[in-house]
Amino acid sequence: MAFGRSRKRRPDDAAPPAAEDLTADTEDVPTADTAAADTGAADTEDADTEDADTEDVPVDGPFDIDDFDDPAQAEVARLDLGSVLIPVPETGQLQVEITETGVPSAIWVVTQNGRFTIAAYAAPKTSGLWREVASELAEALRKDSANVSIEDGPWGREVVGAGNNSVRFVGVDGYRWMIRCVINGAQASMAALTAEARNALADTVVRRGETPLPVRTPLPVQLPEPMAAQLRAAADQAAQQQPQQATEQEPQPTARRAAGGSAMQQLRTTMGG
């Protein structure tokens, strides 16, 4: 944990004079579409259950960058992804998902137990967005025929979808931001993976910024320069290989994909943290 934090500003504190965030939901928080694809069991009704693993999780965080007297302290022992600064387990690796335009859309922390991702979104000054989003996620999972339950975690309700694989959504309301953690792994290792993700979330720092944004807008993800350079090098290498492989191959009735895959596929590889 970092030192030099000032008093944590809670969502119900008096708001400083600043421009209000826009309230129109112009961009929804991504739902369980991709994670729920790994779940496939019969639908059940929601159940509020007690989670026995919550007692060992510190609940001081996640933090706001303004909680630190010296913002540079927030970068100590955390990976700076622009809008969020997250601690990475010693054995963890990073998996980068990018859009078709080459912009990072998600950074997954991969461990031996599975993977999790932590992302932040614009939110109102008052709390309550996560409860609304959690209900939407549960409904989306039900539509995908997942076995859905609502469990009580360190920060309140958590949405769980279970099948061959499991997905868990954890959310926390902050001051003008909401943070969401998606945990995805095999049922057998889900308890250990959830503990890893909760510990990381408890020490995560959010850098919201002052720009007014529509509620639910994802806060931008920015890769550290070494990681960004590695991605650019992979893209350049893939671009150079494709023309060379095309000239070496004999003409075929149907074009074949290069052996190394497309540049987009190579950019989705797992990199050391």
C-alpha atoms as a PDB file:
ATOM      1  CA  MET A   1       0.000   0.000   0.000  1.00  0.00           C
ATOM      2  CA  ALA A   2       1.214   3.483  -0.763  1.00  0.00           C
ATOM      3  CA  PHE A   3       1.832   6.156   1.832  1.00  0.00           C
ATOM      4  CA  GLY A   4       0.981   9.835   1.862  1.00  0.00           C
ATOM      5  CA  ARG A   5      -2.761   9.544   1.308  1.00  0.00           C
ATOM      6  CA  SER A   6      -5.032  12.311   2.435  1.00  0.00           C
ATOM      7  CA  ARG A   7      -8.570  11.807   3.689  1.00  0.00           C
ATOM      8  CA  LYS A   8     -10.510   9.645   1.274  1.00  0.00           C
ATOM      9  CA  ARG A   9     -13.332  11.575  -0.353  1.00  0.00           C
ATOM     10  CA  ARG A  10     -16.534   9.557  -0.251  1.00  0.00           C
ATOM     11  CA  PRO A  11     -19.364   9.858  -2.771  1.00  0.00           C
ATOM     12  CA  ASP A  12     -21.650  11.485  -0.196  1.00  0.00           C
ATOM     13  CA  ASP A  13     -19.160  14.249   0.646  1.00  0.00           C
ATOM     14  CA  ALA A  14     -20.081  17.757  -0.323  1.00  0.00           C
ATOM     15  CA  ALA A  15     -19.165  18.159  -3.965  1.00  0.00           C
ATOM     16  CA  PRO A  16     -16.683  20.898  -4.883  1.00  0.00           C
ATOM     17  CA  PRO A  17     -17.806  23.513  -7.412  1.00  0.00           C
ATOM     18  CA  ALA A  18     -17.213  21.846 -10.767  1.00  0.00           C
ATOM     19  CA  ALA A  19     -19.041  21.097 -13.958  1.00  0.00           C
ATOM     20  CA  GLU A  20     -21.638  18.369 -13.560  1.00  0.00           C
ATOM     21  CA  ASP A  21     -21.139  15.184 -15.530  1.00  0.00           C
ATOM     22  CA  LEU A  22     -23.608  14.739 -18.356  1.00  0.00           C
ATOM     23  CA  THR A  23     -26.316  12.292 -17.362  1.00  0.00           C
ATOM     24  CA  ALA A  24     -27.295  10.877 -20.731  1.00  0.00           C
ATOM     25  CA  ASP A  25     -26.311   7.236 -21.108  1.00  0.00           C
ATOM     26  CA  THR A  26     -24.668   7.670 -24.504  1.00  0.00           C
ATOM     27  CA  GLU A  27     -22.415   4.655 -24.068  1.00  0.00           C
ATOM     28  CA  ASP A  28     -23.421   1.717 -21.923  1.00  0.00           C
ATOM     29  CA  VAL A  29     -21.011  -0.121 -19.694  1.00  0.00           C
ATOM     30  CA  PRO A  30     -20.085  -3.341 -21.524  1.00  0.00           C
ATOM     31  CA  THR A  31     -22.168  -6.255 -20.284  1.00  0.00           C
ATOM     32  CA  ALA A  32     -21.395  -9.930 -19.871  1.00  0.00           C
ATOM     33  CA  ASP A  33     -21.516 -10.703 -23.603  1.00  0.00           C
ATOM     34  CA  THR A  34     -17.984 -12.057 -23.987  1.00  0.00           C
ATOM     35  CA  ALA A  35     -17.486 -13.502 -20.518  1.00  0.00           C
ATOM     36  CA  ALA A  36     -20.922 -15.093 -20.428  1.00  0.00           C
ATOM     37  CA  ALA A  37     -20.118 -17.066 -23.557  1.00  0.00           C
ATOM     38  CA  ASP A  38     -18.111 -19.406 -21.334  1.00  0.00           C
ATOM     39  CA  THR A  39     -21.090 -20.108 -19.085  1.00  0.00           C
ATOM     40  CA  GLY A  40     -23.857 -22.471 -20.012  1.00  0.00           C
ATOM     41  CA  ALA A  41     -26.191 -23.818 -17.338  1.00  0.00           C
ATOM     42  CA  ALA A  42     -29.877 -23.584 -16.533  1.00  0.00           C
ATOM     43  CA  ASP A  43     -31.312 -20.293 -15.314  1.00  0.00           C
ATOM     44  CA  THR A  44     -31.940 -19.902 -11.608  1.00  0.00           C
ATOM     45  CA  GLU A  45     -33.317 -17.112  -9.501  1.00  0.00           C
ATOM     46  CA  ASP A  46     -31.011 -14.613  -7.821  1.00  0.00           C
ATOM     47  CA  ALA A  47     -29.894 -15.531  -4.348  1.00  0.00           C
ATOM     48  CA  ASP A  48     -28.264 -13.302  -1.754  1.00  0.00           C
ATOM     49  CA  THR A  49     -25.531 -15.452  -0.248  1.00  0.00           C
ATOM     50  CA  GLU A  50     -22.747 -14.911   2.233  1.00  0.00           C
ATOM     51  CA  ASP A  51     -19.233 -15.104   0.785  1.00  0.00           C
ATOM     52  CA  ALA A  52     -16.839 -16.602   3.323  1.00  0.00           C
ATOM     53  CA  ASP A  53     -13.738 -15.343   1.492  1.00  0.00           C
ATOM     54  CA  THR A  54     -14.406 -11.647   2.117  1.00  0.00           C
ATOM     55  CA  GLU A  55     -12.967 -11.466   5.621  1.00  0.00           C
ATOM     56  CA  ASP A  56      -9.314 -11.462   4.506  1.00  0.00           C
ATOM     57  CA  VAL A  57      -9.725  -8.744   1.857  1.00  0.00           C
ATOM     58  CA  PRO A  58      -8.687  -5.189   2.823  1.00  0.00           C
ATOM     59  CA  VAL A  59     -11.476  -2.761   1.996  1.00  0.00           C
ATOM     60  CA  ASP A  60      -9.650   0.589   2.297  1.00  0.00           C
ATOM     61  CA  GLY A  61      -9.620   0.941  -1.493  1.00  0.00           C
ATOM     62  CA  PRO A  62     -10.012   1.330  -4.342  1.00  0.00           C
ATOM     63  CA  PHE A  63      -8.635   4.844  -4.079  1.00  0.00           C
ATOM     64  CA  ASP A  64      -8.984   8.104  -5.926  1.00  0.00           C
ATOM     65  CA  ILE A  65      -5.782   9.785  -7.134  1.00  0.00           C
ATOM     66  CA  ASP A  66      -6.846  12.794  -5.057  1.00  0.00           C
ATOM     67  CA  ASP A  67      -6.515  10.642  -1.921  1.00  0.00           C
ATOM     68  CA  PHE A  68      -2.724  11.024  -2.209  1.00  0.00           C
ATOM     69  CA  ASP A  69      -0.851  14.087  -0.969  1.00  0.00           C
ATOM     70  CA  ASP A  70       1.773  13.251  -3.603  1.00  0.00           C
ATOM     71  CA  PRO A  71       0.175  11.700  -6.740  1.00  0.00           C
ATOM     72  CA  ALA A  72       3.532  10.131  -7.621  1.00  0.00           C
ATOM     73  CA  GLN A  73       3.089   7.831  -4.637  1.00  0.00           C
ATOM     74  CA  ALA A  74       0.102   6.263  -6.397  1.00  0.00           C
ATOM     75  CA  GLU A  75       2.445   4.902  -9.061  1.00  0.00           C
ATOM     76  CA  VAL A  76       4.554   2.963  -6.571  1.00  0.00           C
ATOM     77  CA  ALA A  77       4.117  -0.822  -7.053  1.00  0.00           C
ATOM     78  CA  ARG A  78       1.238  -0.288  -9.488  1.00  0.00           C
ATOM     79  CA  LEU A  79       0.893  -0.566 -13.262  1.00  0.00           C
ATOM     80  CA  ASP A  80      -0.157   2.820 -14.646  1.00  0.00           C
ATOM     81  CA  LEU A  81      -2.873   2.345 -17.278  1.00  0.00           C
ATOM     82  CA  GLY A  82      -3.948   5.966 -17.430  1.00  0.00           C
ATOM     83  CA  SER A  83      -7.388   5.922 -15.844  1.00  0.00           C
ATOM     84  CA  VAL A  84      -6.510   3.127 -13.401  1.00  0.00           C
ATOM     85  CA  LEU A  85      -3.330   2.149 -11.614  1.00  0.00           C
ATOM     86  CA  ILE A  86      -3.430  -1.499 -10.611  1.00  0.00           C
ATOM     87  CA  PRO A  87      -1.140  -3.802  -8.632  1.00  0.00           C
ATOM     88  CA  VAL A  88      -0.175  -6.936 -10.563  1.00  0.00           C
ATOM     89  CA  PRO A  89       0.479 -10.252  -8.732  1.00  0.00           C
ATOM     90  CA  GLU A  90       4.103 -11.392  -8.840  1.00  0.00           C
ATOM     91  CA  THR A  91       3.228 -14.342 -11.071  1.00  0.00           C
ATOM     92  CA  GLY A  92       0.753 -12.360 -13.169  1.00  0.00           C
ATOM     93  CA  GLN A  93       1.078 -11.606 -16.869  1.00  0.00           C
ATOM     94  CA  LEU A  94      -0.751  -9.052 -18.974  1.00  0.00           C
ATOM     95  CA  GLN A  95      -3.044  -9.758 -21.903  1.00  0.00           C
ATOM     96  CA  VAL A  96      -3.983  -6.782 -24.064  1.00  0.00           C
ATOM     97  CA  GLU A  97      -7.216  -6.562 -26.029  1.00  0.00           C
ATOM     98  CA  ILE A  98      -7.345  -3.889 -28.716  1.00  0.00           C
ATOM     99  CA  THR A  99      -9.996  -2.509 -31.023  1.00  0.00           C
ATOM    100  CA  GLU A 100      -9.888  -2.785 -34.809  1.00  0.00           C
ATOM    101  CA  THR A 101      -8.284   0.655 -34.860  1.00  0.00           C
ATOM    102  CA  GLY A 102      -5.450  -0.509 -32.614  1.00  0.00           C
ATOM    103  CA  VAL A 103      -6.641   1.229 -29.440  1.00  0.00           C
ATOM    104  CA  PRO A 104      -6.343  -0.783 -26.183  1.00  0.00           C
ATOM    105  CA  SER A 105      -9.819  -1.693 -24.924  1.00  0.00           C
ATOM    106  CA  ALA A 106      -9.000  -3.982 -21.992  1.00  0.00           C
ATOM    107  CA  ILE A 107      -5.975  -5.126 -20.016  1.00  0.00           C
ATOM    108  CA  TRP A 108      -6.366  -8.568 -18.445  1.00  0.00           C
ATOM    109  CA  VAL A 109      -4.203  -9.805 -15.584  1.00  0.00           C
ATOM    110  CA  VAL A 110      -3.586 -13.502 -16.183  1.00  0.00           C
ATOM    111  CA  THR A 111      -2.573 -15.850 -13.334  1.00  0.00           C
ATOM    112  CA  GLN A 112      -2.438 -19.607 -12.969  1.00  0.00           C
ATOM    113  CA  ASN A 113      -6.015 -19.469 -11.679  1.00  0.00           C
ATOM    114  CA  GLY A 114      -7.582 -17.516 -14.560  1.00  0.00           C
ATOM    115  CA  ARG A 115      -7.774 -13.848 -15.471  1.00  0.00           C
ATOM    116  CA  PHE A 116      -9.340 -10.573 -14.330  1.00  0.00           C
ATOM    117  CA  THR A 117      -9.595  -7.031 -15.612  1.00  0.00           C
ATOM    118  CA  ILE A 118     -10.221  -3.749 -13.780  1.00  0.00           C
ATOM    119  CA  ALA A 119     -11.705  -0.757 -15.594  1.00  0.00           C
ATOM    120  CA  ALA A 120     -13.220   2.586 -14.590  1.00  0.00           C
ATOM    121  CA  TYR A 121     -16.221   4.487 -15.941  1.00  0.00           C
ATOM    122  CA  ALA A 122     -17.615   7.992 -15.587  1.00  0.00           C
ATOM    123  CA  ALA A 123     -20.353   8.161 -12.959  1.00  0.00           C
ATOM    124  CA  PRO A 124     -22.470  10.726 -11.079  1.00  0.00           C
ATOM    125  CA  LYS A 125     -21.175  12.406  -7.950  1.00  0.00           C
ATOM    126  CA  THR A 126     -23.586  10.330  -5.891  1.00  0.00           C
ATOM    127  CA  SER A 127     -23.274   6.558  -5.525  1.00  0.00           C
ATOM    128  CA  GLY A 128     -25.702   4.008  -6.892  1.00  0.00           C
ATOM    129  CA  LEU A 129     -24.584   3.354 -10.480  1.00  0.00           C
ATOM    130  CA  TRP A 130     -23.096  -0.050  -9.692  1.00  0.00           C
ATOM    131  CA  ARG A 131     -26.380  -1.367  -8.286  1.00  0.00           C
ATOM    132  CA  GLU A 132     -28.078  -0.414 -11.549  1.00  0.00           C
ATOM    133  CA  VAL A 133     -25.322  -1.939 -13.681  1.00  0.00           C
ATOM    134  CA  ALA A 134     -25.276  -5.126 -11.587  1.00  0.00           C
ATOM    135  CA  SER A 135     -28.967  -5.701 -12.312  1.00  0.00           C
ATOM    136  CA  GLU A 136     -28.343  -5.270 -16.037  1.00  0.00           C
ATOM    137  CA  LEU A 137     -25.413  -7.694 -15.969  1.00  0.00           C
ATOM    138  CA  ALA A 138     -27.474 -10.319 -14.144  1.00  0.00           C
ATOM    139  CA  GLU A 139     -30.227 -10.013 -16.723  1.00  0.00           C
ATOM    140  CA  ALA A 140     -27.728 -10.309 -19.594  1.00  0.00           C
ATOM    141  CA  LEU A 141     -26.287 -13.472 -18.061  1.00  0.00           C
ATOM    142  CA  ARG A 142     -29.749 -14.965 -17.678  1.00  0.00           C
ATOM    143  CA  LYS A 143     -30.456 -14.378 -21.345  1.00  0.00           C
ATOM    144  CA  ASP A 144     -27.316 -16.377 -22.114  1.00  0.00           C
ATOM    145  CA  SER A 145     -28.705 -19.271 -20.033  1.00  0.00           C
ATOM    146  CA  ALA A 146     -26.174 -18.887 -17.254  1.00  0.00           C
ATOM    147  CA  ASN A 147     -26.764 -19.947 -13.670  1.00  0.00           C
ATOM    148  CA  VAL A 148     -26.935 -16.496 -12.051  1.00  0.00           C
ATOM    149  CA  SER A 149     -26.613 -15.531  -8.413  1.00  0.00           C
ATOM    150  CA  ILE A 150     -26.050 -12.326  -6.462  1.00  0.00           C
ATOM    151  CA  GLU A 151     -23.494 -12.648  -3.684  1.00  0.00           C
ATOM    152  CA  ASP A 152     -22.389 -10.310  -0.914  1.00  0.00           C
ATOM    153  CA  GLY A 153     -18.746  -9.232  -1.251  1.00  0.00           C
ATOM    154  CA  PRO A 154     -16.424  -6.748   0.464  1.00  0.00           C
ATOM    155  CA  TRP A 155     -17.976  -3.796  -1.443  1.00  0.00           C
ATOM    156  CA  GLY A 156     -21.528  -5.066  -1.627  1.00  0.00           C
ATOM    157  CA  ARG A 157     -23.302  -7.083  -4.275  1.00  0.00           C
ATOM    158  CA  GLU A 158     -21.374  -9.170  -6.798  1.00  0.00           C
ATOM    159  CA  VAL A 159     -22.905 -10.817  -9.866  1.00  0.00           C
ATOM    160  CA  VAL A 160     -21.887 -14.432 -10.505  1.00  0.00           C
ATOM    161  CA  GLY A 161     -22.549 -16.499 -13.608  1.00  0.00           C
ATOM    162  CA  ALA A 162     -21.662 -20.180 -13.359  1.00  0.00           C
ATOM    163  CA  GLY A 163     -21.358 -22.967 -15.919  1.00  0.00           C
ATOM    164  CA  ASN A 164     -18.391 -24.886 -17.281  1.00  0.00           C
ATOM    165  CA  ASN A 165     -16.477 -21.688 -16.602  1.00  0.00           C
ATOM    166  CA  SER A 166     -17.447 -18.944 -14.196  1.00  0.00           C
ATOM    167  CA  VAL A 167     -17.580 -15.163 -14.372  1.00  0.00           C
ATOM    168  CA  ARG A 168     -17.885 -12.753 -11.463  1.00  0.00           C
ATOM    169  CA  PHE A 169     -18.523  -9.007 -11.663  1.00  0.00           C
ATOM    170  CA  VAL A 170     -17.428  -6.792  -8.767  1.00  0.00           C
ATOM    171  CA  GLY A 171     -18.216  -3.077  -8.721  1.00  0.00           C
ATOM    172  CA  VAL A 172     -17.418  -0.087  -6.536  1.00  0.00           C
ATOM    173  CA  ASP A 173     -18.947   3.411  -6.660  1.00  0.00           C
ATOM    174  CA  GLY A 174     -16.548   6.329  -6.230  1.00  0.00           C
ATOM    175  CA  TYR A 175     -16.672  10.096  -6.585  1.00  0.00           C
ATOM    176  CA  ARG A 176     -17.584  10.692 -10.269  1.00  0.00           C
ATOM    177  CA  TRP A 177     -16.376   7.210 -11.183  1.00  0.00           C
ATOM    178  CA  MET A 178     -17.456   3.608 -10.966  1.00  0.00           C
ATOM    179  CA  ILE A 179     -14.921   0.805 -11.104  1.00  0.00           C
ATOM    180  CA  ARG A 180     -15.752  -2.663 -12.382  1.00  0.00           C
ATOM    181  CA  CYS A 181     -13.711  -5.851 -12.043  1.00  0.00           C
ATOM    182  CA  VAL A 182     -14.481  -8.851 -14.264  1.00  0.00           C
ATOM    183  CA  ILE A 183     -13.158 -12.212 -13.014  1.00  0.00           C
ATOM    184  CA  ASN A 184     -13.180 -15.147 -15.427  1.00  0.00           C
ATOM    185  CA  GLY A 185     -11.902 -18.659 -14.811  1.00  0.00           C
ATOM    186  CA  ALA A 186     -12.607 -22.322 -14.289  1.00  0.00           C
ATOM    187  CA  GLN A 187     -15.006 -23.266 -11.514  1.00  0.00           C
ATOM    188  CA  ALA A 188     -12.315 -25.247  -9.659  1.00  0.00           C
ATOM    189  CA  SER A 189      -9.949 -22.256  -9.341  1.00  0.00           C
ATOM    190  CA  MET A 190     -12.541 -19.488  -9.016  1.00  0.00           C
ATOM    191  CA  ALA A 191     -12.151 -19.029  -5.251  1.00  0.00           C
ATOM    192  CA  ALA A 192      -8.388 -18.444  -5.513  1.00  0.00           C
ATOM    193  CA  LEU A 193      -8.816 -16.213  -8.565  1.00  0.00           C
ATOM    194  CA  THR A 194     -11.493 -14.140  -6.838  1.00  0.00           C
ATOM    195  CA  ALA A 195      -9.171 -13.574  -3.867  1.00  0.00           C
ATOM    196  CA  GLU A 196      -6.408 -12.375  -6.219  1.00  0.00           C
ATOM    197  CA  ALA A 197      -8.761 -10.008  -8.021  1.00  0.00           C
ATOM    198  CA  ARG A 198     -10.264  -8.577  -4.821  1.00  0.00           C
ATOM    199  CA  ASN A 199      -6.819  -7.910  -3.378  1.00  0.00           C
ATOM    200  CA  ALA A 200      -5.818  -6.098  -6.564  1.00  0.00           C
ATOM    201  CA  LEU A 201      -9.048  -4.099  -6.600  1.00  0.00           C
ATOM    202  CA  ALA A 202      -8.581  -3.090  -2.960  1.00  0.00           C
ATOM    203  CA  ASP A 203      -5.260  -1.424  -3.861  1.00  0.00           C
ATOM    204  CA  THR A 204      -6.283   0.064  -7.230  1.00  0.00           C
ATOM    205  CA  VAL A 205      -6.166   3.823  -7.814  1.00  0.00           C
ATOM    206  CA  VAL A 206      -8.551   5.659 -10.161  1.00  0.00           C
ATOM    207  CA  ARG A 207      -7.381   8.716 -12.115  1.00  0.00           C
ATOM    208  CA  ARG A 208     -10.736  10.186 -13.112  1.00  0.00           C
ATOM    209  CA  GLY A 209      -9.651  13.548 -14.505  1.00  0.00           C
ATOM    210  CA  GLU A 210     -11.730  16.732 -14.520  1.00  0.00           C
ATOM    211  CA  THR A 211     -13.306  16.453 -17.977  1.00  0.00           C
ATOM    212  CA  PRO A 212     -17.128  16.140 -17.818  1.00  0.00           C
ATOM    213  CA  LEU A 213     -18.191  12.891 -19.460  1.00  0.00           C
ATOM    214  CA  PRO A 214     -21.508  11.153 -20.049  1.00  0.00           C
ATOM    215  CA  VAL A 215     -22.343   8.667 -17.322  1.00  0.00           C
ATOM    216  CA  ARG A 216     -21.043   5.159 -18.117  1.00  0.00           C
ATOM    217  CA  THR A 217     -18.395   6.364 -20.534  1.00  0.00           C
ATOM    218  CA  PRO A 218     -15.333   4.094 -20.166  1.00  0.00           C
ATOM    219  CA  LEU A 219     -12.350   6.066 -18.907  1.00  0.00           C
ATOM    220  CA  PRO A 220      -9.497   5.749 -21.417  1.00  0.00           C
ATOM    221  CA  VAL A 221      -6.857   3.044 -21.083  1.00  0.00           C
ATOM    222  CA  GLN A 222      -3.273   4.056 -21.847  1.00  0.00           C
ATOM    223  CA  LEU A 223      -0.439   1.560 -22.000  1.00  0.00           C
ATOM    224  CA  PRO A 224       2.968   2.304 -20.496  1.00  0.00           C
ATOM    225  CA  GLU A 225       5.418   3.194 -23.247  1.00  0.00           C
ATOM    226  CA  PRO A 226       7.421  -0.078 -23.055  1.00  0.00           C
ATOM    227  CA  MET A 227       4.246  -2.085 -23.607  1.00  0.00           C
ATOM    228  CA  ALA A 228       3.048   0.239 -26.364  1.00  0.00           C
ATOM    229  CA  ALA A 229       6.418  -0.072 -28.113  1.00  0.00           C
ATOM    230  CA  GLN A 230       6.203  -3.861 -27.904  1.00  0.00           C
ATOM    231  CA  LEU A 231       2.773  -3.794 -29.536  1.00  0.00           C
ATOM    232  CA  ARG A 232       3.977  -1.498 -32.318  1.00  0.00           C
ATOM    233  CA  ALA A 233       6.934  -3.796 -32.982  1.00  0.00           C
ATOM    234  CA  ALA A 234       4.616  -6.820 -33.205  1.00  0.00           C
ATOM    235  CA  ALA A 235       2.362  -4.984 -35.638  1.00  0.00           C
ATOM    236  CA  ASP A 236       5.294  -3.922 -37.823  1.00  0.00           C
ATOM    237  CA  GLN A 237       6.690  -7.453 -37.854  1.00  0.00           C
ATOM    238  CA  ALA A 238       3.329  -8.929 -38.847  1.00  0.00           C
ATOM    239  CA  ALA A 239       2.894  -6.336 -41.604  1.00  0.00           C
ATOM    240  CA  GLN A 240       6.326  -7.199 -43.045  1.00  0.00           C
ATOM    241  CA  GLN A 241       5.736 -10.954 -42.908  1.00  0.00           C
ATOM    242  CA  GLN A 242       2.434 -10.953 -44.766  1.00  0.00           C
ATOM    243  CA  PRO A 243       3.689  -9.655 -48.176  1.00  0.00           C
ATOM    244  CA  GLN A 244       6.771 -11.887 -47.989  1.00  0.00           C
ATOM    245  CA  GLN A 245       4.719 -14.992 -47.259  1.00  0.00           C
ATOM    246  CA  ALA A 246       2.260 -14.107 -50.012  1.00  0.00           C
ATOM    247  CA  THR A 247       5.029 -14.026 -52.662  1.00  0.00           C
ATOM    248  CA  GLU A 248       6.613 -17.269 -51.433  1.00  0.00           C
ATOM    249  CA  GLN A 249       3.378 -19.244 -51.618  1.00  0.00           C
ATOM    250  CA  GLU A 250       2.155 -20.758 -54.881  1.00  0.00           C
ATOM    251  CA  PRO A 251      -1.118 -19.353 -56.236  1.00  0.00           C
ATOM    252  CA  GLN A 252      -4.088 -21.026 -54.575  1.00  0.00           C
ATOM    253  CA  PRO A 253      -7.782 -20.920 -55.477  1.00  0.00           C
ATOM    254  CA  THR A 254      -8.522 -19.516 -52.041  1.00  0.00           C
ATOM    255  CA  ALA A 255      -6.247 -17.109 -50.188  1.00  0.00           C
ATOM    256  CA  ARG A 256      -4.687 -18.624 -47.077  1.00  0.00           C
ATOM    257  CA  ARG A 257      -4.032 -16.809 -43.847  1.00  0.00           C
ATOM    258  CA  ALA A 258      -0.377 -16.220 -43.052  1.00  0.00           C
ATOM    259  CA  ALA A 259       1.086 -18.792 -40.683  1.00  0.00           C
ATOM    260  CA  GLY A 260       1.804 -16.193 -38.032  1.00  0.00           C
ATOM    261  CA  GLY A 261      -1.765 -14.890 -38.084  1.00  0.00           C
ATOM    262  CA  SER A 262      -2.860 -11.338 -38.646  1.00  0.00           C
ATOM    263  CA  ALA A 263      -1.335  -8.343 -36.942  1.00  0.00           C
ATOM    264  CA  MET A 264      -4.509  -8.036 -34.885  1.00  0.00           C
ATOM    265  CA  GLN A 265      -4.134 -11.604 -33.637  1.00  0.00           C
ATOM    266  CA  GLN A 266      -0.506 -11.100 -32.702  1.00  0.00           C
ATOM    267  CA  LEU A 267      -1.358  -7.970 -30.743  1.00  0.00           C
ATOM    268  CA  ARG A 268      -3.687 -10.046 -28.583  1.00  0.00           C
ATOM    269  CA  THR A 269      -0.866 -12.159 -27.215  1.00  0.00           C
ATOM    270  CA  THR A 270       0.043 -12.478 -23.565  1.00  0.00           C
ATOM    271  CA  MET A 271       2.997 -10.358 -22.501  1.00  0.00           C
ATOM    272  CA  GLY A 272       5.043 -10.440 -19.352  1.00  0.00           C
ATOM    273  CA  GLY A 273       4.004  -7.896 -16.743  1.00  0.00           C
END
